[in-house]
Amino acid sequence: DLMTKKRSLYRQVVEAMASSKPGTWIILNVASRFDPFWLRVTRGRFSAGSLLGFPSLMLTTIGAKTGLPRSTALVFTRDGNGLVIVASRGGMDRHPGWYHNLKAHPEADVLLDGCSSTYTSYEATCEERERLWAMVCDRYSGYTTYQKRAGDRQIPIMVLTPQVGQNK
């Protein structure tokens, strides 16, 4: 397709690797263990995702079951002043824990570009979801692979909107 032709060869290789089953396993089981550390140390400026050309943030939610803080490094896309995150979990058959945490407790802290801010989340639905799905797939083609892998599970899209005056 036209977008694939516009992508650099490097980006095409990175996306193919990241969306492959072994690449997804590495992201979920290796990079996800180190990224929170790197994002904390660099104040949200470096992660494995950023090394590969994908903007990343650290999302800290309140555990739906435990009530304890849970931090996860995630790739994101900007939409106006909001941040868009995709609950793909690499196309696995269930939603990631952070998704359930946000559904139970919509407020979350985001560490990004040296700043920590409080955001309120909601799940995109209907036309907004369709628009955002097209946007995130345009930025990372692996989401289409993840949706095929997920089967009947529709991958949720969460939108994070900043709370005014909450920079920390």
Foldseek 3Di string as FASTA:
>chain_A
DVLVVVDDPLLVVLLVQCLDPVNLCCVLPPQFVCFVVVCVVVQAPDGPCVVSPFRKKWKWFQFLPPRHTDITIFGWDDDPQKIKGWQLSSLDQDGDRVVSRCVNPQWIWIGHPNKIFIWGKDWDDDPRFVVVVVVVCSVRVSSVSSNVSNPPDDIIMMMTHTDPPGID
